[in-house]
Amino acid sequence: MAEKQQQPGHNSAAPYNYGRADEESQTKELKRQKRKKLMLYIAAFVVFQTIVIVIFSLTVMKVKTPKFRIRAASFDASSTVSATSLDMRMNARLGVKNTNFGPYKFDNSTITFYYRGAEIGSTIVPKSTAKFQSTKRFNVTIPLSSTSPDLATDFRSGTLPLTCTSRMTGKVELMLVMKKKKAINLNCTMDVHIASKQIQNLKC
């Protein structure tokens, strides 16, 4: 008996499309890898930015106290020292060293000299600005005079011990908006060789 022919309109189950399933799987995997890479890039960027901010804070934005020093000094030829009196005119070369990444603007200050603890002269250090990463150099003249009884002993030894002090106040400006107050204390010791009128053992 002949087999029955398949009725029109009655279809057998269609075969599963494995090619399309593979494509969808590959697409999902590519998207997952792209998201993973994007997250890695974002994390790396955040770490990099954090490192930059930390370095910037520890270097550029860190405010250091400038240094105020007597760099050298000499005396006028008319200066005299005897066993009973001291009458000298000192020409001092000063320096304000600013290692910050912004200018240091300082106010007027007074530098005072002492002999054996007694004040023998002073002068005004004029206000000015030490630019960033530089040293502001300037000269001042200080008249020194004394009639201390200690002069006789030091005159015989040939050396006069002097000290000087000063306090400078000012502000360091960073990024044109941030201002930080900074004060500098100057404390120096030195010896004056009487015969040559030269400064020796200058320490600040």
N, C-alpha and C. Protein backbone atom coordinates (compact mmCIF):
# COMPACT_ATOMS: atom_id res chain seq x y z
N MET A 1 0.87 -1.20 0.00
CA MET A 1 0.00 0.00 0.00
C MET A 1 0.88 1.22 0.00
N ALA A 2 0.57 2.05 -0.89
CA ALA A 2 1.44 3.24 -1.03
C ALA A 2 1.37 4.12 0.20
N GLU A 3 2.57 4.71 0.55
CA GLU A 3 2.61 5.59 1.72
C GLU A 3 1.81 6.85 1.45
N LYS A 4 1.22 7.33 2.54
CA LYS A 4 0.43 8.56 2.41
C LYS A 4 1.33 9.74 2.16
N GLN A 5 0.94 10.50 1.20
CA GLN A 5 1.69 11.72 0.92
C GLN A 5 1.46 12.75 2.01
N GLN A 6 2.49 13.54 2.29
CA GLN A 6 2.39 14.59 3.32
C GLN A 6 1.41 15.64 2.89
N GLN A 7 0.48 15.92 3.77
CA GLN A 7 -0.55 16.88 3.46
C GLN A 7 0.05 18.27 3.31
N PRO A 8 -0.45 19.05 2.35
CA PRO A 8 0.04 20.43 2.20
C PRO A 8 -0.22 21.23 3.46
N GLY A 9 0.73 22.08 3.80
CA GLY A 9 0.58 22.92 4.99
C GLY A 9 1.13 22.28 6.23
N HIS A 10 1.48 21.03 6.21
CA HIS A 10 2.02 20.36 7.40
C HIS A 10 3.53 20.26 7.25
N ASN A 11 4.29 21.08 8.06
CA ASN A 11 5.77 21.17 7.96
C ASN A 11 6.42 20.44 9.10
N SER A 12 7.54 19.83 8.83
CA SER A 12 8.33 19.19 9.88
C SER A 12 9.09 20.25 10.65
N ALA A 13 9.58 19.98 11.87
CA ALA A 13 10.31 20.96 12.70
C ALA A 13 11.54 21.47 11.97
N ALA A 14 11.72 22.85 11.96
CA ALA A 14 12.88 23.44 11.27
C ALA A 14 14.16 23.15 12.04
N PRO A 15 15.25 22.90 11.38
CA PRO A 15 16.53 22.63 12.08
C PRO A 15 17.00 23.86 12.84
N TYR A 16 17.68 23.66 14.03
CA TYR A 16 18.16 24.77 14.89
C TYR A 16 19.29 25.51 14.18
N ASN A 17 19.22 26.88 14.19
CA ASN A 17 20.22 27.71 13.51
C ASN A 17 21.42 27.90 14.43
N TYR A 18 22.39 26.99 14.38
CA TYR A 18 23.57 27.07 15.24
C TYR A 18 24.47 28.25 14.87
N GLY A 19 24.47 28.63 13.60
CA GLY A 19 25.32 29.75 13.17
C GLY A 19 24.92 31.05 13.83
N ARG A 20 23.61 31.31 13.91
CA ARG A 20 23.12 32.54 14.55
C ARG A 20 23.42 32.54 16.04
N ALA A 21 23.28 31.38 16.67
CA ALA A 21 23.57 31.30 18.11
C ALA A 21 25.04 31.60 18.40
N ASP A 22 25.92 31.10 17.56
CA ASP A 22 27.35 31.38 17.74
C ASP A 22 27.64 32.86 17.58
N GLU A 23 27.00 33.50 16.60
CA GLU A 23 27.22 34.93 16.37
C GLU A 23 26.76 35.75 17.58
N GLU A 24 25.60 35.39 18.13
CA GLU A 24 25.10 36.11 19.30
C GLU A 24 26.02 35.92 20.49
N SER A 25 26.54 34.70 20.65
CA SER A 25 27.46 34.43 21.75
C SER A 25 28.75 35.23 21.61
N GLN A 26 29.26 35.29 20.38
CA GLN A 26 30.49 36.06 20.14
C GLN A 26 30.26 37.55 20.37
N THR A 27 29.07 38.03 19.97
CA THR A 27 28.76 39.45 20.15
C THR A 27 28.70 39.80 21.64
N LYS A 28 28.05 38.94 22.42
CA LYS A 28 27.98 39.18 23.86
C LYS A 28 29.36 39.15 24.49
N GLU A 29 30.22 38.23 24.03
CA GLU A 29 31.57 38.14 24.58
C GLU A 29 32.39 39.39 24.25
N LEU A 30 32.23 39.89 23.00
CA LEU A 30 32.94 41.11 22.61
C LEU A 30 32.49 42.31 23.45
N LYS A 31 31.17 42.39 23.67
CA LYS A 31 30.66 43.49 24.50
C LYS A 31 31.19 43.39 25.92
N ARG A 32 31.25 42.16 26.45
CA ARG A 32 31.75 41.97 27.81
C ARG A 32 33.22 42.37 27.91
N GLN A 33 34.00 42.01 26.89
CA GLN A 33 35.42 42.37 26.89
C GLN A 33 35.60 43.88 26.77
N LYS A 34 34.75 44.52 25.96
CA LYS A 34 34.83 45.97 25.81
C LYS A 34 34.51 46.67 27.13
N ARG A 35 33.47 46.17 27.83
CA ARG A 35 33.13 46.75 29.13
C ARG A 35 34.26 46.56 30.13
N LYS A 36 34.87 45.38 30.07
CA LYS A 36 35.98 45.09 30.98
C LYS A 36 37.16 46.02 30.72
N LYS A 37 37.47 46.23 29.43
CA LYS A 37 38.56 47.14 29.06
C LYS A 37 38.25 48.57 29.49
N LEU A 38 36.99 48.96 29.29
CA LEU A 38 36.59 50.31 29.67
C LEU A 38 36.76 50.53 31.17
N MET A 39 36.34 49.54 31.97
CA MET A 39 36.50 49.63 33.41
C MET A 39 37.97 49.70 33.81
N LEU A 40 38.81 48.94 33.12
CA LEU A 40 40.24 48.97 33.41
C LEU A 40 40.83 50.33 33.07
N TYR A 41 40.39 50.91 31.93
CA TYR A 41 40.88 52.23 31.55
C TYR A 41 40.46 53.29 32.57
N ILE A 42 39.20 53.19 33.03
CA ILE A 42 38.71 54.15 34.02
C ILE A 42 39.49 54.02 35.33
N ALA A 43 39.72 52.78 35.77
CA ALA A 43 40.48 52.56 37.00
C ALA A 43 41.90 53.07 36.88
N ALA A 44 42.53 52.82 35.71
CA ALA A 44 43.90 53.29 35.49
C ALA A 44 43.94 54.82 35.49
N PHE A 45 42.92 55.45 34.89
CA PHE A 45 42.86 56.92 34.85
C PHE A 45 42.70 57.49 36.25
N VAL A 46 41.84 56.87 37.06
CA VAL A 46 41.63 57.33 38.43
C VAL A 46 42.92 57.21 39.24
N VAL A 47 43.62 56.08 39.10
CA VAL A 47 44.89 55.89 39.81
C VAL A 47 45.91 56.92 39.37
N PHE A 48 45.98 57.17 38.04
CA PHE A 48 46.93 58.15 37.51
C PHE A 48 46.62 59.54 38.04
N GLN A 49 45.34 59.92 38.02
CA GLN A 49 44.95 61.23 38.52
C GLN A 49 45.27 61.37 40.01
N THR A 50 45.05 60.30 40.77
CA THR A 50 45.36 60.33 42.20
C THR A 50 46.84 60.56 42.43
N ILE A 51 47.67 59.86 41.65
CA ILE A 51 49.13 60.01 41.78
C ILE A 51 49.55 61.43 41.43
N VAL A 52 48.96 61.99 40.36
CA VAL A 52 49.29 63.36 39.94
C VAL A 52 48.91 64.36 41.03
N ILE A 53 47.72 64.18 41.62
CA ILE A 53 47.25 65.09 42.67
C ILE A 53 48.16 65.01 43.89
N VAL A 54 48.56 63.79 44.27
CA VAL A 54 49.43 63.62 45.43
C VAL A 54 50.79 64.29 45.18
N ILE A 55 51.36 64.04 44.00
CA ILE A 55 52.65 64.65 43.67
C ILE A 55 52.53 66.17 43.63
N PHE A 56 51.44 66.66 43.03
CA PHE A 56 51.21 68.10 42.95
C PHE A 56 51.09 68.71 44.34
N SER A 57 50.39 68.02 45.24
CA SER A 57 50.21 68.52 46.60
C SER A 57 51.51 68.53 47.39
N LEU A 58 52.37 67.52 47.14
CA LEU A 58 53.61 67.41 47.89
C LEU A 58 54.73 68.28 47.34
N THR A 59 54.56 68.78 46.12
CA THR A 59 55.62 69.59 45.51
C THR A 59 55.14 71.01 45.25
N VAL A 60 54.31 71.16 44.24
CA VAL A 60 53.91 72.50 43.82
C VAL A 60 53.12 73.23 44.90
N MET A 61 52.15 72.54 45.53
CA MET A 61 51.28 73.21 46.49
C MET A 61 51.81 73.22 47.92
N LYS A 62 52.91 72.56 48.16
CA LYS A 62 53.48 72.56 49.51
C LYS A 62 54.25 73.86 49.72
N VAL A 63 53.89 74.60 50.75
CA VAL A 63 54.51 75.90 51.01
C VAL A 63 55.67 75.72 51.99
N LYS A 64 56.85 76.09 51.54
CA LYS A 64 58.04 76.00 52.37
C LYS A 64 58.43 77.40 52.88
N THR A 65 59.04 77.43 54.03
CA THR A 65 59.49 78.71 54.59
C THR A 65 60.74 79.18 53.85
N PRO A 66 60.72 80.37 53.26
CA PRO A 66 61.92 80.90 52.59
C PRO A 66 63.06 81.08 53.58
N LYS A 67 64.24 81.26 53.06
CA LYS A 67 65.43 81.44 53.90
C LYS A 67 65.97 82.85 53.75
N PHE A 68 66.28 83.47 54.88
CA PHE A 68 66.82 84.83 54.93
C PHE A 68 68.24 84.74 55.48
N ARG A 69 69.21 85.22 54.71
CA ARG A 69 70.61 85.06 55.10
C ARG A 69 71.43 86.32 54.79
N ILE A 70 72.50 86.50 55.57
CA ILE A 70 73.56 87.44 55.19
C ILE A 70 74.54 86.65 54.34
N ARG A 71 74.69 87.04 53.10
CA ARG A 71 75.54 86.30 52.17
C ARG A 71 77.01 86.72 52.29
N ALA A 72 77.23 87.99 52.58
CA ALA A 72 78.60 88.50 52.73
C ALA A 72 78.51 89.90 53.32
N ALA A 73 79.65 90.42 53.78
CA ALA A 73 79.67 91.77 54.35
C ALA A 73 81.08 92.34 54.26
N SER A 74 81.15 93.66 54.19
CA SER A 74 82.43 94.37 54.16
C SER A 74 82.25 95.68 54.92
N PHE A 75 83.36 96.39 55.11
CA PHE A 75 83.32 97.65 55.86
C PHE A 75 83.94 98.78 55.06
N ASP A 76 83.40 100.00 55.27
CA ASP A 76 83.99 101.18 54.64
C ASP A 76 85.42 101.37 55.14
N ALA A 77 86.23 101.99 54.31
CA ALA A 77 87.63 102.24 54.68
C ALA A 77 87.74 103.15 55.88
N SER A 78 86.74 103.99 56.10
CA SER A 78 86.78 104.93 57.22
C SER A 78 86.43 104.29 58.56
N SER A 79 86.03 103.02 58.56
CA SER A 79 85.65 102.34 59.80
C SER A 79 86.85 102.19 60.72
N THR A 80 86.61 102.39 62.02
CA THR A 80 87.71 102.30 63.00
C THR A 80 87.28 101.50 64.22
N VAL A 81 88.25 100.81 64.80
CA VAL A 81 88.05 100.08 66.05
C VAL A 81 89.26 100.34 66.93
N SER A 82 89.01 100.72 68.18
CA SER A 82 90.10 100.93 69.12
C SER A 82 89.77 100.20 70.42
N ALA A 83 90.63 100.35 71.40
CA ALA A 83 90.41 99.69 72.69
C ALA A 83 89.28 100.34 73.47
N THR A 84 88.83 101.51 73.02
CA THR A 84 87.78 102.22 73.76
C THR A 84 86.50 102.46 72.97
N SER A 85 86.57 102.35 71.64
CA SER A 85 85.37 102.65 70.85
C SER A 85 85.35 101.87 69.53
N LEU A 86 84.14 101.71 69.05
CA LEU A 86 83.93 101.04 67.75
C LEU A 86 83.06 101.97 66.92
N ASP A 87 83.53 102.30 65.72
CA ASP A 87 82.78 103.17 64.82
C ASP A 87 82.98 102.63 63.41
N MET A 88 82.03 101.79 62.98
CA MET A 88 82.18 101.09 61.70
C MET A 88 80.91 101.25 60.86
N ARG A 89 81.09 101.08 59.58
CA ARG A 89 79.97 101.15 58.63
C ARG A 89 80.00 99.87 57.80
N MET A 90 79.06 98.98 58.09
CA MET A 90 79.02 97.68 57.42
C MET A 90 78.13 97.73 56.18
N ASN A 91 78.61 97.15 55.11
CA ASN A 91 77.83 96.97 53.89
C ASN A 91 77.53 95.47 53.75
N ALA A 92 76.30 95.12 54.03
CA ALA A 92 75.92 93.70 54.04
C ALA A 92 75.13 93.34 52.79
N ARG A 93 75.47 92.18 52.23
CA ARG A 93 74.73 91.65 51.08
C ARG A 93 73.79 90.57 51.61
N LEU A 94 72.49 90.82 51.47
CA LEU A 94 71.47 89.93 52.00
C LEU A 94 70.81 89.12 50.87
N GLY A 95 70.19 88.03 51.27
CA GLY A 95 69.48 87.22 50.28
C GLY A 95 68.26 86.55 50.90
N VAL A 96 67.15 86.58 50.17
CA VAL A 96 65.94 85.85 50.57
C VAL A 96 65.71 84.77 49.52
N LYS A 97 65.94 83.52 49.90
CA LYS A 97 65.83 82.40 48.97
C LYS A 97 64.43 81.79 49.06
N ASN A 98 63.74 81.78 47.94
CA ASN A 98 62.37 81.27 47.88
C ASN A 98 62.33 80.03 46.98
N THR A 99 62.08 78.87 47.56
CA THR A 99 62.03 77.62 46.80
C THR A 99 60.61 77.20 46.44
N ASN A 100 59.65 78.07 46.68
CA ASN A 100 58.25 77.75 46.38
C ASN A 100 57.92 78.00 44.91
N PHE A 101 56.79 77.43 44.46
CA PHE A 101 56.31 77.64 43.10
C PHE A 101 55.37 78.83 43.05
N GLY A 102 55.76 79.87 43.72
CA GLY A 102 55.00 81.11 43.75
C GLY A 102 55.84 82.18 44.43
N PRO A 103 55.60 83.45 44.16
CA PRO A 103 56.42 84.53 44.74
C PRO A 103 56.20 84.69 46.24
N TYR A 104 57.25 85.14 46.92
CA TYR A 104 57.17 85.46 48.34
C TYR A 104 57.28 86.97 48.48
N LYS A 105 56.18 87.60 48.90
CA LYS A 105 56.15 89.05 49.08
C LYS A 105 56.31 89.35 50.56
N PHE A 106 57.43 90.01 50.90
CA PHE A 106 57.72 90.27 52.31
C PHE A 106 57.65 91.76 52.63
N ASP A 107 57.35 92.04 53.89
CA ASP A 107 57.20 93.42 54.36
C ASP A 107 58.54 93.98 54.84
N ASN A 108 58.50 95.27 55.19
CA ASN A 108 59.69 95.88 55.80
C ASN A 108 60.05 95.13 57.08
N SER A 109 61.34 94.99 57.31
CA SER A 109 61.79 94.37 58.56
C SER A 109 63.05 95.09 59.02
N THR A 110 63.41 94.86 60.26
CA THR A 110 64.60 95.50 60.84
C THR A 110 65.65 94.45 61.16
N ILE A 111 66.87 94.70 60.75
CA ILE A 111 67.98 93.82 61.09
C ILE A 111 68.84 94.55 62.12
N THR A 112 69.11 93.89 63.24
CA THR A 112 69.80 94.52 64.37
C THR A 112 71.09 93.76 64.69
N PHE A 113 72.15 94.51 64.94
CA PHE A 113 73.45 93.92 65.28
C PHE A 113 73.77 94.14 66.75
N TYR A 114 74.46 93.16 67.33
CA TYR A 114 74.82 93.21 68.74
C TYR A 114 76.30 92.88 68.93
N TYR A 115 76.87 93.52 69.94
CA TYR A 115 78.23 93.21 70.37
C TYR A 115 78.17 92.84 71.86
N ARG A 116 78.53 91.63 72.16
CA ARG A 116 78.49 91.14 73.54
C ARG A 116 77.11 91.33 74.17
N GLY A 117 76.07 91.13 73.35
CA GLY A 117 74.70 91.22 73.85
C GLY A 117 74.10 92.61 73.84
N ALA A 118 74.89 93.64 73.55
CA ALA A 118 74.39 95.01 73.52
C ALA A 118 74.17 95.46 72.07
N GLU A 119 73.04 96.10 71.82
CA GLU A 119 72.74 96.57 70.47
C GLU A 119 73.72 97.67 70.07
N ILE A 120 74.28 97.54 68.85
CA ILE A 120 75.25 98.53 68.38
C ILE A 120 74.84 99.15 67.04
N GLY A 121 73.72 98.69 66.46
CA GLY A 121 73.27 99.29 65.20
C GLY A 121 72.15 98.48 64.56
N SER A 122 71.37 99.16 63.72
CA SER A 122 70.28 98.49 63.02
C SER A 122 69.95 99.26 61.75
N THR A 123 69.20 98.60 60.88
CA THR A 123 68.74 99.25 59.66
C THR A 123 67.49 98.55 59.16
N ILE A 124 66.78 99.22 58.26
CA ILE A 124 65.55 98.68 57.71
C ILE A 124 65.86 97.85 56.46
N VAL A 125 65.28 96.67 56.40
CA VAL A 125 65.32 95.85 55.18
C VAL A 125 64.04 96.16 54.42
N PRO A 126 64.13 96.78 53.25
CA PRO A 126 62.91 97.23 52.55
C PRO A 126 62.07 96.07 52.02
N LYS A 127 60.75 96.29 51.97
CA LYS A 127 59.87 95.26 51.45
C LYS A 127 60.14 95.02 49.96
N SER A 128 59.94 93.79 49.55
CA SER A 128 60.20 93.44 48.16
C SER A 128 59.56 92.09 47.88
N THR A 129 59.95 91.48 46.77
CA THR A 129 59.40 90.18 46.38
C THR A 129 60.52 89.26 45.90
N ALA A 130 60.54 88.06 46.45
CA ALA A 130 61.43 87.02 45.95
C ALA A 130 60.60 86.15 45.01
N LYS A 131 60.94 86.15 43.74
CA LYS A 131 60.17 85.40 42.75
C LYS A 131 60.26 83.89 43.01
N PHE A 132 59.37 83.15 42.38
CA PHE A 132 59.34 81.71 42.64
C PHE A 132 60.62 81.04 42.15
N GLN A 133 61.10 80.12 42.96
CA GLN A 133 62.30 79.35 42.65
C GLN A 133 63.50 80.27 42.36
N SER A 134 63.64 81.34 43.17
CA SER A 134 64.76 82.26 42.96
C SER A 134 65.15 82.92 44.27
N THR A 135 66.25 83.66 44.24
CA THR A 135 66.75 84.37 45.42
C THR A 135 66.76 85.87 45.16
N LYS A 136 66.13 86.62 46.05
CA LYS A 136 66.15 88.07 45.97
C LYS A 136 67.37 88.58 46.71
N ARG A 137 68.25 89.26 46.02
CA ARG A 137 69.49 89.78 46.61
C ARG A 137 69.42 91.30 46.71
N PHE A 138 69.91 91.84 47.80
CA PHE A 138 69.95 93.29 47.96
C PHE A 138 71.00 93.66 49.01
N ASN A 139 71.38 94.91 49.00
CA ASN A 139 72.42 95.42 49.90
C ASN A 139 71.83 96.40 50.91
N VAL A 140 72.35 96.36 52.11
CA VAL A 140 71.97 97.34 53.13
C VAL A 140 73.24 97.83 53.82
N THR A 141 73.16 99.04 54.34
CA THR A 141 74.29 99.63 55.06
C THR A 141 73.88 99.82 56.52
N ILE A 142 74.74 99.36 57.44
CA ILE A 142 74.43 99.42 58.87
C ILE A 142 75.55 100.16 59.61
N PRO A 143 75.27 101.31 60.19
CA PRO A 143 76.28 101.98 61.03
C PRO A 143 76.37 101.27 62.39
N LEU A 144 77.58 100.95 62.81
CA LEU A 144 77.80 100.24 64.08
C LEU A 144 78.67 101.11 64.99
N SER A 145 78.25 101.24 66.23
CA SER A 145 79.04 102.04 67.17
C SER A 145 78.89 101.48 68.58
N SER A 146 79.99 101.56 69.36
CA SER A 146 79.96 101.07 70.73
C SER A 146 81.12 101.66 71.51
N THR A 147 80.93 101.80 72.83
CA THR A 147 82.01 102.20 73.74
C THR A 147 82.09 101.20 74.90
N SER A 148 81.81 99.96 74.59
CA SER A 148 81.79 98.92 75.61
C SER A 148 83.18 98.71 76.22
N PRO A 149 83.26 98.47 77.53
CA PRO A 149 84.56 98.19 78.16
C PRO A 149 85.17 96.86 77.68
N ASP A 150 84.35 96.00 77.04
CA ASP A 150 84.88 94.74 76.52
C ASP A 150 85.76 94.94 75.30
N LEU A 151 85.69 96.12 74.70
CA LEU A 151 86.47 96.38 73.49
C LEU A 151 87.97 96.23 73.73
N ALA A 152 88.43 96.60 74.91
CA ALA A 152 89.88 96.53 75.19
C ALA A 152 90.38 95.10 75.05
N THR A 153 89.65 94.15 75.63
CA THR A 153 90.07 92.75 75.55
C THR A 153 90.01 92.23 74.13
N ASP A 154 88.91 92.50 73.42
CA ASP A 154 88.77 92.00 72.05
C ASP A 154 89.73 92.70 71.10
N PHE A 155 90.03 93.98 71.39
CA PHE A 155 90.98 94.70 70.54
C PHE A 155 92.37 94.05 70.63
N ARG A 156 92.73 93.63 71.81
CA ARG A 156 94.03 92.95 71.96
C ARG A 156 94.04 91.59 71.27
N SER A 157 92.89 90.91 71.27
CA SER A 157 92.83 89.60 70.61
C SER A 157 92.77 89.73 69.09
N GLY A 158 92.37 90.91 68.63
CA GLY A 158 92.32 91.16 67.18
C GLY A 158 91.01 90.76 66.54
N THR A 159 90.02 90.33 67.31
CA THR A 159 88.76 89.86 66.74
C THR A 159 87.57 90.36 67.55
N LEU A 160 86.54 90.82 66.84
CA LEU A 160 85.30 91.27 67.49
C LEU A 160 84.19 90.27 67.18
N PRO A 161 83.52 89.71 68.19
CA PRO A 161 82.38 88.82 67.94
C PRO A 161 81.08 89.64 67.81
N LEU A 162 80.38 89.43 66.70
CA LEU A 162 79.11 90.12 66.48
C LEU A 162 77.99 89.11 66.22
N THR A 163 76.78 89.51 66.56
CA THR A 163 75.60 88.73 66.22
C THR A 163 74.57 89.66 65.62
N CYS A 164 73.61 89.10 64.89
CA CYS A 164 72.53 89.91 64.34
C CYS A 164 71.25 89.09 64.30
N THR A 165 70.13 89.77 64.40
CA THR A 165 68.82 89.12 64.36
C THR A 165 67.86 89.95 63.52
N SER A 166 66.85 89.25 63.01
CA SER A 166 65.79 89.93 62.27
C SER A 166 64.61 88.97 62.14
N ARG A 167 63.43 89.53 61.98
CA ARG A 167 62.24 88.73 61.73
C ARG A 167 61.51 89.32 60.53
N MET A 168 61.39 88.51 59.49
CA MET A 168 60.75 88.96 58.26
C MET A 168 59.40 88.26 58.11
N THR A 169 58.37 89.03 57.77
CA THR A 169 57.04 88.46 57.56
C THR A 169 56.59 88.71 56.12
N GLY A 170 55.79 87.79 55.61
CA GLY A 170 55.32 87.94 54.25
C GLY A 170 54.36 86.83 53.88
N LYS A 171 54.03 86.76 52.59
CA LYS A 171 53.09 85.76 52.10
C LYS A 171 53.62 85.11 50.83
N VAL A 172 53.43 83.80 50.76
CA VAL A 172 53.73 83.05 49.54
C VAL A 172 52.43 82.92 48.76
N GLU A 173 52.46 83.31 47.48
CA GLU A 173 51.27 83.23 46.64
C GLU A 173 51.41 82.05 45.67
N LEU A 174 50.40 81.16 45.67
CA LEU A 174 50.39 80.00 44.79
C LEU A 174 49.18 80.06 43.86
N MET A 175 49.40 79.80 42.60
CA MET A 175 48.33 79.74 41.60
C MET A 175 47.50 81.03 41.56
N LEU A 176 48.09 82.13 41.99
CA LEU A 176 47.47 83.45 41.95
C LEU A 176 46.25 83.58 42.87
N VAL A 177 45.90 82.54 43.60
CA VAL A 177 44.72 82.61 44.47
C VAL A 177 45.03 82.22 45.91
N MET A 178 45.93 81.29 46.10
CA MET A 178 46.24 80.82 47.44
C MET A 178 47.37 81.63 48.05
N LYS A 179 47.17 82.14 49.26
CA LYS A 179 48.18 82.92 49.96
C LYS A 179 48.45 82.29 51.32
N LYS A 180 49.71 82.08 51.60
CA LYS A 180 50.11 81.46 52.86
C LYS A 180 51.12 82.35 53.56
N LYS A 181 50.81 82.75 54.82
CA LYS A 181 51.72 83.59 55.58
C LYS A 181 52.95 82.79 56.01
N LYS A 182 54.11 83.40 55.85
CA LYS A 182 55.36 82.77 56.26
C LYS A 182 56.27 83.82 56.89
N ALA A 183 56.80 83.51 58.06
CA ALA A 183 57.73 84.41 58.76
C ALA A 183 59.10 83.74 58.83
N ILE A 184 60.14 84.55 58.70
CA ILE A 184 61.52 84.04 58.72
C ILE A 184 62.27 84.70 59.86
N ASN A 185 62.95 83.91 60.65
CA ASN A 185 63.82 84.44 61.70
C ASN A 185 65.27 84.35 61.24
N LEU A 186 65.95 85.48 61.31
CA LEU A 186 67.37 85.53 60.96
C LEU A 186 68.20 85.59 62.24
N ASN A 187 69.14 84.68 62.35
CA ASN A 187 70.07 84.68 63.48
C ASN A 187 71.46 84.33 62.95
N CYS A 188 72.36 85.29 63.02
CA CYS A 188 73.71 85.08 62.48
C CYS A 188 74.77 85.42 63.52
N THR A 189 75.87 84.72 63.44
CA THR A 189 77.06 85.04 64.24
C THR A 189 78.23 85.23 63.29
N MET A 190 79.17 86.07 63.70
CA MET A 190 80.33 86.35 62.85
C MET A 190 81.45 86.96 63.69
N ASP A 191 82.62 86.90 63.15
CA ASP A 191 83.78 87.56 63.78
C ASP A 191 84.32 88.61 62.82
N VAL A 192 84.72 89.74 63.38
CA VAL A 192 85.32 90.80 62.57
C VAL A 192 86.81 90.83 62.87
N HIS A 193 87.61 90.57 61.83
CA HIS A 193 89.06 90.67 61.99
C HIS A 193 89.42 92.15 61.95
N ILE A 194 89.90 92.67 63.08
CA ILE A 194 90.08 94.12 63.21
C ILE A 194 91.12 94.68 62.25
N ALA A 195 92.24 94.01 62.11
CA ALA A 195 93.31 94.54 61.26
C ALA A 195 92.90 94.63 59.79
N SER A 196 92.25 93.58 59.28
CA SER A 196 91.89 93.55 57.86
C SER A 196 90.47 94.06 57.60
N LYS A 197 89.70 94.25 58.68
CA LYS A 197 88.30 94.66 58.56
C LYS A 197 87.52 93.69 57.66
N GLN A 198 87.73 92.42 57.90
CA GLN A 198 87.07 91.36 57.14
C GLN A 198 86.19 90.52 58.06
N ILE A 199 85.08 90.04 57.48
CA ILE A 199 84.18 89.15 58.22
C ILE A 199 84.71 87.72 58.15
N GLN A 200 84.72 87.06 59.29
CA GLN A 200 85.14 85.66 59.35
C GLN A 200 84.09 84.83 60.09
N ASN A 201 84.08 83.54 59.79
CA ASN A 201 83.19 82.60 60.50
C ASN A 201 81.73 83.05 60.49
N LEU A 202 81.26 83.49 59.34
CA LEU A 202 79.87 83.92 59.22
C LEU A 202 78.97 82.69 59.20
N LYS A 203 78.05 82.62 60.17
CA LYS A 203 77.12 81.50 60.25
C LYS A 203 75.70 82.02 60.49
N CYS A 204 74.77 81.55 59.64
CA CYS A 204 73.37 81.97 59.77
C CYS A 204 72.47 80.74 59.83
